[in-house]
Structures are given as C-alpha cells and as structure tokens.
C-alpha atoms as a PDB file:
ATOM      1  CA  MET A   1     -18.231  -4.836  -9.297  1.00  0.00           C
ATOM      2  CA  PRO A   2     -19.461  -5.256  -6.041  1.00  0.00           C
ATOM      3  CA  ALA A   3     -19.162  -3.234  -3.589  1.00  0.00           C
ATOM      4  CA  ASP A   4     -17.723  -5.254  -0.817  1.00  0.00           C
ATOM      5  CA  ILE A   5     -13.626  -6.455  -1.772  1.00  0.00           C
ATOM      6  CA  LEU A   6     -14.201  -8.522   1.195  1.00  0.00           C
ATOM      7  CA  SER A   7     -16.406 -10.628  -0.355  1.00  0.00           C
ATOM      8  CA  ARG A   8     -14.182 -10.996  -3.103  1.00  0.00           C
ATOM      9  CA  MET A   9     -11.119 -12.287  -0.917  1.00  0.00           C
ATOM     10  CA  CYS A  10     -13.343 -14.866   1.323  1.00  0.00           C
ATOM     11  CA  PRO A  11     -12.990 -17.240   0.162  1.00  0.00           C
ATOM     12  CA  PRO A  12     -10.030 -16.071  -1.806  1.00  0.00           C
ATOM     13  CA  SER A  13     -10.872 -15.053  -5.471  1.00  0.00           C
ATOM     14  CA  ILE A  14      -7.029 -13.616  -5.372  1.00  0.00           C
ATOM     15  CA  LEU A  15      -7.322  -9.758  -6.646  1.00  0.00           C
ATOM     16  CA  VAL A  16      -4.057  -7.441  -8.406  1.00  0.00           C
ATOM     17  CA  ALA A  17      -3.522  -3.972  -6.772  1.00  0.00           C
ATOM     18  CA  ASP A  18      -1.449  -1.375  -8.631  1.00  0.00           C
ATOM     19  CA  GLY A  19       1.762  -0.966  -8.168  1.00  0.00           C
ATOM     20  CA  ALA A  20       5.154   2.260  -7.782  1.00  0.00           C
ATOM     21  CA  ILE A  21       3.294   5.538  -7.406  1.00  0.00           C
ATOM     22  CA  GLY A  22       6.468   7.291  -5.317  1.00  0.00           C
ATOM     23  CA  THR A  23       8.548   5.984  -7.799  1.00  0.00           C
ATOM     24  CA  TYR A  24       5.931   6.076 -11.215  1.00  0.00           C
ATOM     25  CA  LEU A  25       6.194   9.961 -10.428  1.00  0.00           C
ATOM     26  CA  GLN A  26       9.778  10.216  -9.878  1.00  0.00           C
ATOM     27  CA  ALA A  27       9.953   8.824 -13.181  1.00  0.00           C
ATOM     28  CA  ARG A  28       7.788  11.618 -14.839  1.00  0.00           C
ATOM     29  CA  GLY A  29       9.903  14.190 -13.022  1.00  0.00           C
ATOM     30  CA  LEU A  30       8.850  15.175  -9.658  1.00  0.00           C
ATOM     31  CA  PRO A  31      11.386  16.555  -7.903  1.00  0.00           C
ATOM     32  CA  PRO A  32      13.553  14.781  -5.136  1.00  0.00           C
ATOM     33  CA  GLY A  33      11.955  15.851  -2.689  1.00  0.00           C
ATOM     34  CA  THR A  34       8.681  16.773  -3.186  1.00  0.00           C
ATOM     35  CA  MET A  35       5.963  15.403  -2.050  1.00  0.00           C
ATOM     36  CA  PRO A  36       3.627  13.107  -3.976  1.00  0.00           C
ATOM     37  CA  GLU A  37       0.722  14.299  -2.650  1.00  0.00           C
ATOM     38  CA  LEU A  38       1.466  17.510  -4.522  1.00  0.00           C
ATOM     39  CA  TRP A  39       1.106  16.531  -7.571  1.00  0.00           C
ATOM     40  CA  ASN A  40      -2.605  15.352  -6.822  1.00  0.00           C
ATOM     41  CA  VAL A  41      -3.938  19.411  -7.589  1.00  0.00           C
ATOM     42  CA  GLU A  42      -1.101  20.701  -9.043  1.00  0.00           C
ATOM     43  CA  GLN A  43      -0.350  17.453 -12.198  1.00  0.00           C
ATOM     44  CA  PRO A  44      -3.809  16.288 -11.610  1.00  0.00           C
ATOM     45  CA  GLU A  45      -3.324  14.707 -15.046  1.00  0.00           C
ATOM     46  CA  ILE A  46      -0.403  12.426 -14.788  1.00  0.00           C
ATOM     47  CA  VAL A  47      -1.690  11.160 -11.397  1.00  0.00           C
ATOM     48  CA  ARG A  48      -4.676   9.547 -13.271  1.00  0.00           C
ATOM     49  CA  SER A  49      -2.616   8.664 -16.528  1.00  0.00           C
ATOM     50  CA  MET A  50      -0.963   6.433 -14.131  1.00  0.00           C
ATOM     51  CA  HIS A  51      -4.239   5.081 -12.516  1.00  0.00           C
ATOM     52  CA  GLU A  52      -4.790   4.446 -15.687  1.00  0.00           C
ATOM     53  CA  ALA A  53      -2.239   3.488 -16.337  1.00  0.00           C
ATOM     54  CA  TYR A  54      -2.755   0.351 -14.028  1.00  0.00           C
ATOM     55  CA  LEU A  55      -6.278   0.112 -14.589  1.00  0.00           C
ATOM     56  CA  ALA A  56      -5.033  -1.332 -18.451  1.00  0.00           C
ATOM     57  CA  ALA A  57      -2.425  -3.404 -16.913  1.00  0.00           C
ATOM     58  CA  GLY A  58      -5.586  -5.540 -14.891  1.00  0.00           C
ATOM     59  CA  ALA A  59      -5.379  -4.362 -11.435  1.00  0.00           C
ATOM     60  CA  GLN A  60      -8.679  -4.388 -10.086  1.00  0.00           C
ATOM     61  CA  ILE A  61      -6.921  -2.180  -6.496  1.00  0.00           C
ATOM     62  CA  LEU A  62      -5.703   1.310  -7.446  1.00  0.00           C
ATOM     63  CA  THR A  63      -3.221   2.804  -4.733  1.00  0.00           C
ATOM     64  CA  THR A  64      -4.592   6.415  -3.388  1.00  0.00           C
ATOM     65  CA  ASN A  65      -1.817   8.922  -3.642  1.00  0.00           C
ATOM     66  CA  THR A  66      -1.801   9.520   0.204  1.00  0.00           C
ATOM     67  CA  PHE A  67       1.264   7.978   1.819  1.00  0.00           C
ATOM     68  CA  GLY A  68       2.570  10.847   3.720  1.00  0.00           C
ATOM     69  CA  GLY A  69      -0.756  12.656   4.237  1.00  0.00           C
ATOM     70  CA  ASN A  70      -1.204  12.509   7.740  1.00  0.00           C
ATOM     71  CA  ARG A  71      -0.460  16.021   9.904  1.00  0.00           C
ATOM     72  CA  LEU A  72       3.407  14.649  11.477  1.00  0.00           C
ATOM     73  CA  ARG A  73       4.578  14.561   7.717  1.00  0.00           C
ATOM     74  CA  LEU A  74       2.273  16.457   5.669  1.00  0.00           C
ATOM     75  CA  PRO A  75       2.327  20.014   6.565  1.00  0.00           C
ATOM     76  CA  ASP A  76      -1.017  21.430   6.787  1.00  0.00           C
ATOM     77  CA  GLN A  77      -0.404  23.764   3.215  1.00  0.00           C
ATOM     78  CA  VAL A  78       1.796  22.595   0.754  1.00  0.00           C
ATOM     79  CA  ASN A  79       2.200  26.044  -2.061  1.00  0.00           C
ATOM     80  CA  GLY A  80      -1.239  27.443  -0.842  1.00  0.00           C
ATOM     81  CA  HIS A  81      -2.476  23.960  -0.890  1.00  0.00           C
ATOM     82  CA  GLY A  82      -4.245  22.751   1.886  1.00  0.00           C
ATOM     83  CA  ARG A  83      -3.492  18.406   3.275  1.00  0.00           C
ATOM     84  CA  ALA A  84      -7.394  18.228   3.307  1.00  0.00           C
ATOM     85  CA  GLU A  85      -7.522  19.383   0.099  1.00  0.00           C
ATOM     86  CA  LEU A  86      -4.423  17.092  -1.383  1.00  0.00           C
ATOM     87  CA  VAL A  87      -5.783  14.334  -0.082  1.00  0.00           C
ATOM     88  CA  ARG A  88      -9.173  14.850  -1.022  1.00  0.00           C
ATOM     89  CA  ARG A  89      -8.399  14.725  -4.234  1.00  0.00           C
ATOM     90  CA  GLY A  90      -6.064  11.894  -3.925  1.00  0.00           C
ATOM     91  CA  VAL A  91      -8.913   9.787  -3.211  1.00  0.00           C
ATOM     92  CA  GLU A  92     -11.178  11.492  -6.098  1.00  0.00           C
ATOM     93  CA  LEU A  93      -8.886  10.838  -9.669  1.00  0.00           C
ATOM     94  CA  ALA A  94      -8.349   7.299  -8.336  1.00  0.00           C
ATOM     95  CA  ARG A  95     -11.910   6.854  -7.943  1.00  0.00           C
ATOM     96  CA  GLN A  96     -12.777   8.978 -11.762  1.00  0.00           C
ATOM     97  CA  VAL A  97     -10.881   6.879 -12.905  1.00  0.00           C
ATOM     98  CA  ALA A  98     -11.502   3.117 -11.038  1.00  0.00           C
ATOM     99  CA  GLY A  99     -15.016   4.157 -11.631  1.00  0.00           C
ATOM    100  CA  ALA A 100     -17.616   0.898 -11.599  1.00  0.00           C
ATOM    101  CA  VAL A 101     -14.308  -1.530 -12.257  1.00  0.00           C
ATOM    102  CA  ALA A 102     -11.831  -0.856  -9.874  1.00  0.00           C
ATOM    103  CA  TRP A 103     -12.009  -0.568  -5.980  1.00  0.00           C
ATOM    104  CA  VAL A 104     -10.051   2.128  -4.548  1.00  0.00           C
ATOM    105  CA  ALA A 105      -7.807   1.944  -1.738  1.00  0.00           C
ATOM    106  CA  GLY A 106      -7.387   4.785   0.338  1.00  0.00           C
ATOM    107  CA  SER A 107      -3.218   4.944   1.340  1.00  0.00           C
ATOM    108  CA  MET A 108      -1.945   5.485   4.794  1.00  0.00           C
ATOM    109  CA  GLY A 109       2.182   4.780   5.618  1.00  0.00           C
ATOM    110  CA  PRO A 110       4.392   5.917   8.503  1.00  0.00           C
ATOM    111  CA  THR A 111       3.618   9.210  10.211  1.00  0.00           C
ATOM    112  CA  GLY A 112       8.470   9.544   9.445  1.00  0.00           C
ATOM    113  CA  ARG A 113       8.772   9.692  14.049  1.00  0.00           C
ATOM    114  CA  LEU A 114       9.018   7.251  16.289  1.00  0.00           C
ATOM    115  CA  ILE A 115       6.729   6.527  19.555  1.00  0.00           C
ATOM    116  CA  GLU A 116       7.505   6.601  22.161  1.00  0.00           C
ATOM    117  CA  PRO A 117       9.493   5.034  24.151  1.00  0.00           C
ATOM    118  CA  LEU A 118      11.945   4.510  21.405  1.00  0.00           C
ATOM    119  CA  GLY A 119      10.879   8.547  20.200  1.00  0.00           C
ATOM    120  CA  ASP A 120       8.858  11.526  21.588  1.00  0.00           C
ATOM    121  CA  LEU A 121       4.986  10.636  19.537  1.00  0.00           C
ATOM    122  CA  ARG A 122       2.868   9.282  21.740  1.00  0.00           C
ATOM    123  CA  CYS A 123       0.151   6.858  20.762  1.00  0.00           C
ATOM    124  CA  GLU A 124      -2.429   9.144  20.111  1.00  0.00           C
ATOM    125  CA  GLN A 125      -1.057  11.241  19.223  1.00  0.00           C
ATOM    126  CA  ALA A 126      -0.957   9.469  16.477  1.00  0.00           C
ATOM    127  CA  GLU A 127      -3.359   8.018  16.084  1.00  0.00           C
ATOM    128  CA  ASP A 128      -5.276  11.243  15.242  1.00  0.00           C
ATOM    129  CA  ALA A 129      -2.817  11.655  12.862  1.00  0.00           C
ATOM    130  CA  PHE A 130      -4.189   8.782  11.337  1.00  0.00           C
ATOM    131  CA  ALA A 131      -7.905   9.192  12.345  1.00  0.00           C
ATOM    132  CA  GLU A 132      -8.031  12.690  10.457  1.00  0.00           C
ATOM    133  CA  GLN A 133      -7.038  11.297   7.642  1.00  0.00           C
ATOM    134  CA  ALA A 134      -8.612   8.165   7.607  1.00  0.00           C
ATOM    135  CA  ALA A 135     -12.150  10.138   7.896  1.00  0.00           C
ATOM    136  CA  ILE A 136     -10.695  12.650   4.870  1.00  0.00           C
ATOM    137  CA  LEU A 137     -10.185   9.319   2.751  1.00  0.00           C
ATOM    138  CA  ALA A 138     -13.396   7.380   4.354  1.00  0.00           C
ATOM    139  CA  GLU A 139     -15.056  10.850   2.773  1.00  0.00           C
ATOM    140  CA  ALA A 140     -13.797  11.190  -0.401  1.00  0.00           C
ATOM    141  CA  GLY A 141     -14.428   7.845  -1.903  1.00  0.00           C
ATOM    142  CA  ALA A 142     -12.135   5.307  -0.840  1.00  0.00           C
ATOM    143  CA  ASP A 143     -12.891   1.669  -0.346  1.00  0.00           C
ATOM    144  CA  VAL A 144     -10.662   0.282   2.241  1.00  0.00           C
ATOM    145  CA  ILE A 145      -8.655   1.936   3.987  1.00  0.00           C
ATOM    146  CA  LEU A 146      -4.862   0.146   3.652  1.00  0.00           C
ATOM    147  CA  VAL A 147      -2.402   1.211   6.268  1.00  0.00           C
ATOM    148  CA  GLU A 148       1.076   0.289   4.357  1.00  0.00           C
ATOM    149  CA  THR A 149       4.547  -0.390   5.053  1.00  0.00           C
ATOM    150  CA  MET A 150       4.744   0.196   9.184  1.00  0.00           C
ATOM    151  CA  SER A 151       7.901  -1.203  10.592  1.00  0.00           C
ATOM    152  CA  ASP A 152       6.719  -0.184  14.021  1.00  0.00           C
ATOM    153  CA  VAL A 153       4.018  -2.364  15.669  1.00  0.00           C
ATOM    154  CA  LEU A 154       2.853   0.144  17.902  1.00  0.00           C
ATOM    155  CA  GLU A 155       2.101   2.272  15.147  1.00  0.00           C
ATOM    156  CA  ALA A 156       0.016   0.195  12.872  1.00  0.00           C
ATOM    157  CA  ARG A 157      -2.151  -0.129  15.376  1.00  0.00           C
ATOM    158  CA  ALA A 158      -2.864   2.757  16.281  1.00  0.00           C
ATOM    159  CA  ALA A 159      -3.115   3.117  11.982  1.00  0.00           C
ATOM    160  CA  LEU A 160      -6.176   0.606  12.201  1.00  0.00           C
ATOM    161  CA  ARG A 161      -7.300   2.169  15.731  1.00  0.00           C
ATOM    162  CA  ALA A 162      -7.901   5.279  13.900  1.00  0.00           C
ATOM    163  CA  ALA A 163      -9.254   3.997  11.028  1.00  0.00           C
ATOM    164  CA  ARG A 164     -11.367   1.641  12.649  1.00  0.00           C
ATOM    165  CA  ARG A 165     -12.576   4.418  15.355  1.00  0.00           C
ATOM    166  CA  VAL A 166     -14.033   7.270  12.854  1.00  0.00           C
ATOM    167  CA  THR A 167     -15.365   5.577   9.240  1.00  0.00           C
ATOM    168  CA  ASN A 168     -16.652   1.665   8.694  1.00  0.00           C
ATOM    169  CA  LEU A 169     -14.027   0.382   6.190  1.00  0.00           C
ATOM    170  CA  PRO A 170     -12.546  -2.862   5.511  1.00  0.00           C
ATOM    171  CA  VAL A 171      -8.335  -2.284   7.465  1.00  0.00           C
ATOM    172  CA  PHE A 172      -5.164  -3.590   5.458  1.00  0.00           C
ATOM    173  CA  VAL A 173      -2.883  -3.698   7.815  1.00  0.00           C
ATOM    174  CA  THR A 174       0.736  -4.685   5.873  1.00  0.00           C
ATOM    175  CA  PHE A 175       4.418  -3.969   7.323  1.00  0.00           C
ATOM    176  CA  ALA A 176       7.717  -3.249   5.222  1.00  0.00           C
ATOM    177  CA  PHE A 177      10.263  -6.359   5.903  1.00  0.00           C
ATOM    178  CA  ASP A 178      13.888  -8.154   5.688  1.00  0.00           C
ATOM    179  CA  ASP A 179      14.774 -10.752   4.700  1.00  0.00           C
ATOM    180  CA  THR A 180      14.898 -12.719   7.592  1.00  0.00           C
ATOM    181  CA  GLY A 181      11.081 -11.538   8.071  1.00  0.00           C
ATOM    182  CA  ARG A 182      11.748  -8.681  10.953  1.00  0.00           C
ATOM    183  CA  THR A 183      10.596  -5.216   9.772  1.00  0.00           C
ATOM    184  CA  VAL A 184      14.007  -2.522  11.140  1.00  0.00           C
ATOM    185  CA  MET A 185      11.724  -1.918  14.131  1.00  0.00           C
ATOM    186  CA  GLY A 186      12.849  -5.948  14.582  1.00  0.00           C
ATOM    187  CA  ALA A 187       9.075  -7.625  14.668  1.00  0.00           C
ATOM    188  CA  THR A 188       8.680 -10.905  13.390  1.00  0.00           C
ATOM    189  CA  ALA A 189       5.993 -11.907  10.792  1.00  0.00           C
ATOM    190  CA  GLU A 190       3.990 -13.836  12.308  1.00  0.00           C
ATOM    191  CA  GLU A 191       4.493 -11.139  15.486  1.00  0.00           C
ATOM    192  CA  ALA A 192       1.970  -8.364  14.017  1.00  0.00           C
ATOM    193  CA  ALA A 193       0.138 -10.424  12.068  1.00  0.00           C
ATOM    194  CA  ARG A 194      -0.965 -11.822  14.740  1.00  0.00           C
ATOM    195  CA  GLU A 195      -0.698  -7.900  16.534  1.00  0.00           C
ATOM    196  CA  VAL A 196      -3.767  -6.905  13.791  1.00  0.00           C
ATOM    197  CA  GLN A 197      -5.362  -9.341  13.382  1.00  0.00           C
ATOM    198  CA  THR A 198      -6.167  -9.630  17.310  1.00  0.00           C
ATOM    199  CA  LEU A 199      -6.931  -5.990  17.311  1.00  0.00           C
ATOM    200  CA  GLY A 200      -9.374  -5.996  13.342  1.00  0.00           C
ATOM    201  CA  ALA A 201      -8.346  -5.913  10.932  1.00  0.00           C
ATOM    202  CA  ASP A 202      -9.465  -7.398   7.315  1.00  0.00           C
ATOM    203  CA  ALA A 203      -6.451  -8.683   5.903  1.00  0.00           C
ATOM    204  CA  VAL A 204      -2.760  -8.350   6.935  1.00  0.00           C
ATOM    205  CA  GLY A 205       0.662  -9.200   4.587  1.00  0.00           C
ATOM    206  CA  ALA A 206       4.333  -7.334   3.762  1.00  0.00           C
ATOM    207  CA  ASN A 207       4.730  -4.721   1.073  1.00  0.00           C
ATOM    208  CA  CYS A 208       7.738  -3.014   0.418  1.00  0.00           C
ATOM    209  CA  GLY A 209      10.525  -3.954   1.470  1.00  0.00           C
ATOM    210  CA  GLU A 210      13.249  -5.955   0.565  1.00  0.00           C
ATOM    211  CA  GLY A 211      12.292  -7.409  -2.491  1.00  0.00           C
ATOM    212  CA  PRO A 212      10.515 -10.025  -3.788  1.00  0.00           C
ATOM    213  CA  GLU A 213      11.552 -13.370  -1.334  1.00  0.00           C
ATOM    214  CA  ALA A 214      11.178 -11.389   1.770  1.00  0.00           C
ATOM    215  CA  VAL A 215       7.671 -10.697   0.478  1.00  0.00           C
ATOM    216  CA  VAL A 216       7.815 -14.580   0.378  1.00  0.00           C
ATOM    217  CA  ILE A 217       9.798 -15.595   3.624  1.00  0.00           C
ATOM    218  CA  ALA A 218       7.351 -12.953   5.551  1.00  0.00           C
ATOM    219  CA  LEU A 219       3.765 -14.975   4.177  1.00  0.00           C
ATOM    220  CA  ARG A 220       5.130 -18.374   4.934  1.00  0.00           C
ATOM    221  CA  GLU A 221       4.715 -17.412   8.569  1.00  0.00           C
ATOM    222  CA  MET A 222       1.821 -15.389   8.979  1.00  0.00           C
ATOM    223  CA  ARG A 223      -0.290 -18.175   6.761  1.00  0.00           C
ATOM    224  CA  ARG A 224       0.865 -20.669   9.896  1.00  0.00           C
ATOM    225  CA  ALA A 225      -0.679 -17.461  11.461  1.00  0.00           C
ATOM    226  CA  VAL A 226      -3.153 -15.783  11.138  1.00  0.00           C
ATOM    227  CA  SER A 227      -6.862 -16.474   8.904  1.00  0.00           C
ATOM    228  CA  LEU A 228      -6.766 -13.355   7.780  1.00  0.00           C
ATOM    229  CA  PRO A 229      -6.959 -12.493   3.941  1.00  0.00           C
ATOM    230  CA  LEU A 230      -3.139 -12.469   2.846  1.00  0.00           C
ATOM    231  CA  ILE A 231      -1.682  -9.358   1.074  1.00  0.00           C
ATOM    232  CA  ALA A 232       1.555  -9.464  -0.846  1.00  0.00           C
ATOM    233  CA  GLN A 233       3.361  -6.505  -2.379  1.00  0.00           C
ATOM    234  CA  PRO A 234       7.132  -5.883  -3.016  1.00  0.00           C
ATOM    235  CA  ASN A 235       9.603  -4.657  -4.798  1.00  0.00           C
ATOM    236  CA  ALA A 236      10.449  -4.533  -7.768  1.00  0.00           C
ATOM    237  CA  GLY A 237      13.688  -5.832  -6.077  1.00  0.00           C
ATOM    238  CA  MET A 238      16.606  -3.748  -4.827  1.00  0.00           C
ATOM    239  CA  PRO A 239      17.672  -0.287  -6.918  1.00  0.00           C
ATOM    240  CA  HIS A 240      21.039   0.302  -8.197  1.00  0.00           C
ATOM    241  CA  LEU A 241      22.551   2.905  -9.335  1.00  0.00           C
ATOM    242  CA  GLN A 242      23.859   3.402 -12.787  1.00  0.00           C
ATOM    243  CA  ALA A 243      24.602   5.724 -15.157  1.00  0.00           C
ATOM    244  CA  GLY A 244      22.990   8.735 -12.531  1.00  0.00           C
ATOM    245  CA  GLU A 245      19.770   6.753 -13.073  1.00  0.00           C
ATOM    246  CA  THR A 246      18.051   3.896 -10.461  1.00  0.00           C
ATOM    247  CA  THR A 247      17.421   1.177 -11.851  1.00  0.00           C
ATOM    248  CA  TRP A 248      15.764  -2.197 -10.931  1.00  0.00           C
ATOM    249  CA  ASP A 249      16.242  -5.576 -10.361  1.00  0.00           C
ATOM    250  CA  THR A 250      13.861  -7.350 -11.206  1.00  0.00           C
ATOM    251  CA  THR A 251      12.036  -7.475 -14.160  1.00  0.00           C
ATOM    252  CA  PRO A 252       8.307  -7.381 -15.269  1.00  0.00           C
ATOM    253  CA  ASP A 253       8.643 -11.817 -16.110  1.00  0.00           C
ATOM    254  CA  GLU A 254      10.654 -11.971 -12.782  1.00  0.00           C
ATOM    255  CA  PHE A 255       8.380 -11.127 -10.649  1.00  0.00           C
ATOM    256  CA  ALA A 256       5.093 -12.844 -12.593  1.00  0.00           C
ATOM    257  CA  GLU A 257       8.081 -15.191 -11.580  1.00  0.00           C
ATOM    258  CA  HIS A 258       7.229 -14.832  -7.493  1.00  0.00           C
ATOM    259  CA  ALA A 259       4.122 -13.816  -8.507  1.00  0.00           C
ATOM    260  CA  ARG A 260       2.964 -17.149  -8.605  1.00  0.00           C
ATOM    261  CA  THR A 261       4.907 -17.869  -5.977  1.00  0.00           C
ATOM    262  CA  LEU A 262       3.313 -15.816  -3.719  1.00  0.00           C
ATOM    263  CA  ILE A 263       0.169 -17.230  -4.573  1.00  0.00           C
ATOM    264  CA  ASP A 264       0.995 -20.495  -4.379  1.00  0.00           C
ATOM    265  CA  LEU A 265       1.275 -19.248  -0.943  1.00  0.00           C
ATOM    266  CA  GLY A 266      -2.170 -18.166  -0.409  1.00  0.00           C
ATOM    267  CA  ALA A 267      -1.738 -14.717  -1.386  1.00  0.00           C
ATOM    268  CA  SER A 268      -5.568 -13.127  -1.803  1.00  0.00           C
ATOM    269  CA  VAL A 269      -4.272  -9.696  -3.033  1.00  0.00           C
ATOM    270  CA  VAL A 270      -1.491  -9.664  -5.679  1.00  0.00           C
ATOM    271  CA  GLY A 271       0.140  -6.124  -6.095  1.00  0.00           C
ATOM    272  CA  ALA A 272       3.271  -4.247  -6.729  1.00  0.00           C
ATOM    273  CA  CYS A 273       5.532  -1.595  -5.011  1.00  0.00           C
ATOM    274  CA  CYS A 274       8.411   0.744  -5.067  1.00  0.00           C
ATOM    275  CA  GLY A 275      10.489   0.495  -8.476  1.00  0.00           C
ATOM    276  CA  SER A 276       7.183  -1.599  -9.991  1.00  0.00           C
ATOM    277  CA  THR A 277       6.324  -0.309 -13.546  1.00  0.00           C
ATOM    278  CA  PRO A 278       2.448  -1.246 -15.257  1.00  0.00           C
ATOM    279  CA  ALA A 279       4.064  -4.239 -17.117  1.00  0.00           C
ATOM    280  CA  HIS A 280       4.908  -5.738 -13.668  1.00  0.00           C
ATOM    281  CA  VAL A 281       1.207  -4.952 -12.752  1.00  0.00           C
ATOM    282  CA  LEU A 282       0.695  -6.793 -16.701  1.00  0.00           C
ATOM    283  CA  ALA A 283       3.018  -9.870 -15.670  1.00  0.00           C
ATOM    284  CA  ILE A 284       1.150 -10.484 -12.211  1.00  0.00           C
ATOM    285  CA  ARG A 285      -2.534  -9.853 -13.757  1.00  0.00           C
ATOM    286  CA  ALA A 286      -1.491 -12.752 -16.384  1.00  0.00           C
ATOM    287  CA  ALA A 287      -0.357 -15.242 -13.547  1.00  0.00           C
ATOM    288  CA  VAL A 288      -3.141 -14.582 -12.294  1.00  0.00           C
ATOM    289  CA  ASP A 289      -4.958 -15.424 -14.883  1.00  0.00           C
ATOM    290  CA  VAL A 290      -2.571 -18.880 -14.813  1.00  0.00           C
ATOM    291  CA  ALA A 291      -4.418 -19.787 -11.413  1.00  0.00           C
ATOM    292  CA  ARG A 292      -7.487 -18.181 -11.713  1.00  0.00           C
ATOM    293  CA  ALA A 293      -8.303 -20.878 -14.930  1.00  0.00           C
END
C-alpha cells in the first residue's frame, strides 16, 4: 500500500472507508454513557476485532476509536487511564490491523461545546485542544487526520488549523448535514467546503447526518463549489426503537445503491457511519469494484 493516500485520490481512484464505531461497540456491550475510547485499553480485543471485520469487508481506510479524544470532551483520567493513553492506544489498535494494506485515519470529532459568540468556548481554546489530540494521533502512527462530523464551520477551522500546526499529515474534513444540505448550525455544504478548501484541507465531504440522501445532497453542492477530493460516509439511514432495541432503516443492499450514486457524484472516498456494519462496507466495496472495472 503506497504511503501517500493522496496519490490514490488525485486523480481519483475511489477508496473504501470503514463504517460505524460507536454503534458497533454499543452492539457489543459498550454501556450507555461510556466513552468508546475507554475500550481501547479495557476491551482492546473487541476494538481490534472491529477493525479486522471492516478490513475483511474491503475497507482500505480504518478509522481510529478516538472521536471524542480531545481534552474538552474526554477527561484527563478515565478509570485511571490518561487521555493521551486512550488516544494513542486507539491508533495502535488500528495500525496493528491495517499493517501495510490499509491506511489509518486519526479521528477527531467535535468538542461538544459551542464556540463564541453562541457559546463560551474561544476558538483558541478549541484549536489548542485539537492540536494536542492531533499530535498524539500523528506520533502514534496515523496516516491522515480525519476531522469529522462537524456542524460548526468555526470549529472545523480550529481543528484543521490545529492539525496543520502540529503535523505534516493530510487533513480531511467532513461535516454532518440534514436533508436540506445544511448543518445544524445553518452552514450550507457549499459554504463549509469552500471554507476548508481555502484553509488547506486535502479532502472534504459529508458523514453521519440524516442518512444517505442528505450526503447525496451535500456532495452535489460540494462538487460544484470546490476542486478537492470528496468523502462520503453516511449513516445507515435513521435509527428506530423496536422492542427496546435501536435499529437502522437502510440495509446493506440499499446502501450499495446509494454508494453507486455517491460514486457517480465523484466521491473519492466512500464509507459509512452510524448504524452501519461490516455488511454495509462489503456492499460498498462491491459497488466500488464495479465502478473501477
């Protein structure tokens, strides 16, 4: 596997990313309210087996279980384990599985705080928190920094600037959109994509949000607005509570249909998010293989 992931994306040659982490671990017993990162040290065999399942399904990019690993969201100590240890171990587990056949994307999700003027978090505070996390991800062996599930363009800017400040890795940025093509903070897909392109992101896209259709709408706007490679990782539809259990309404076969649409829209990376399983990634891989043929 070439070391430079960007060489496989420009010109585009569609890469398959993995699927859900949080909902996957919850289905395997992660208690409600427990930080998923804790399992990097307390249940590493389950986290490792998750990466192995996605790799076996055809994923070429494995995402670290570090989504909430910034100091504004994850305490300094959790059950006696330091935040840096949890983040570092998350990269190591993905790296062990990826070996030389897949890339490792170091996940950085939102802080969970609102940036001024809507909240009390200063941009500088957010940037410093992301810089700390990005440095650990890079030192532990990530191939790319993935800033994901952003709804606030200001927060995405802070994360991107932070990663650029402390690493030399490619930085990908994805936002979560509703079915009108806007984030919950009101930014359009075009505005979000233009902003991160201006700041030097290496790829931009949409993940999570309101399912595949929302990602289709967002990518359609983005491809008109920017020249960056596009990333698409939608949820497996929307969640529903049935007999006390959460289910998701998009099957792997249906997800494959959406994957074909996203490929037609020019996505360079296609994967999945909440509610998805290795079966969804297997369906994506099949769609990508047909597109490559």
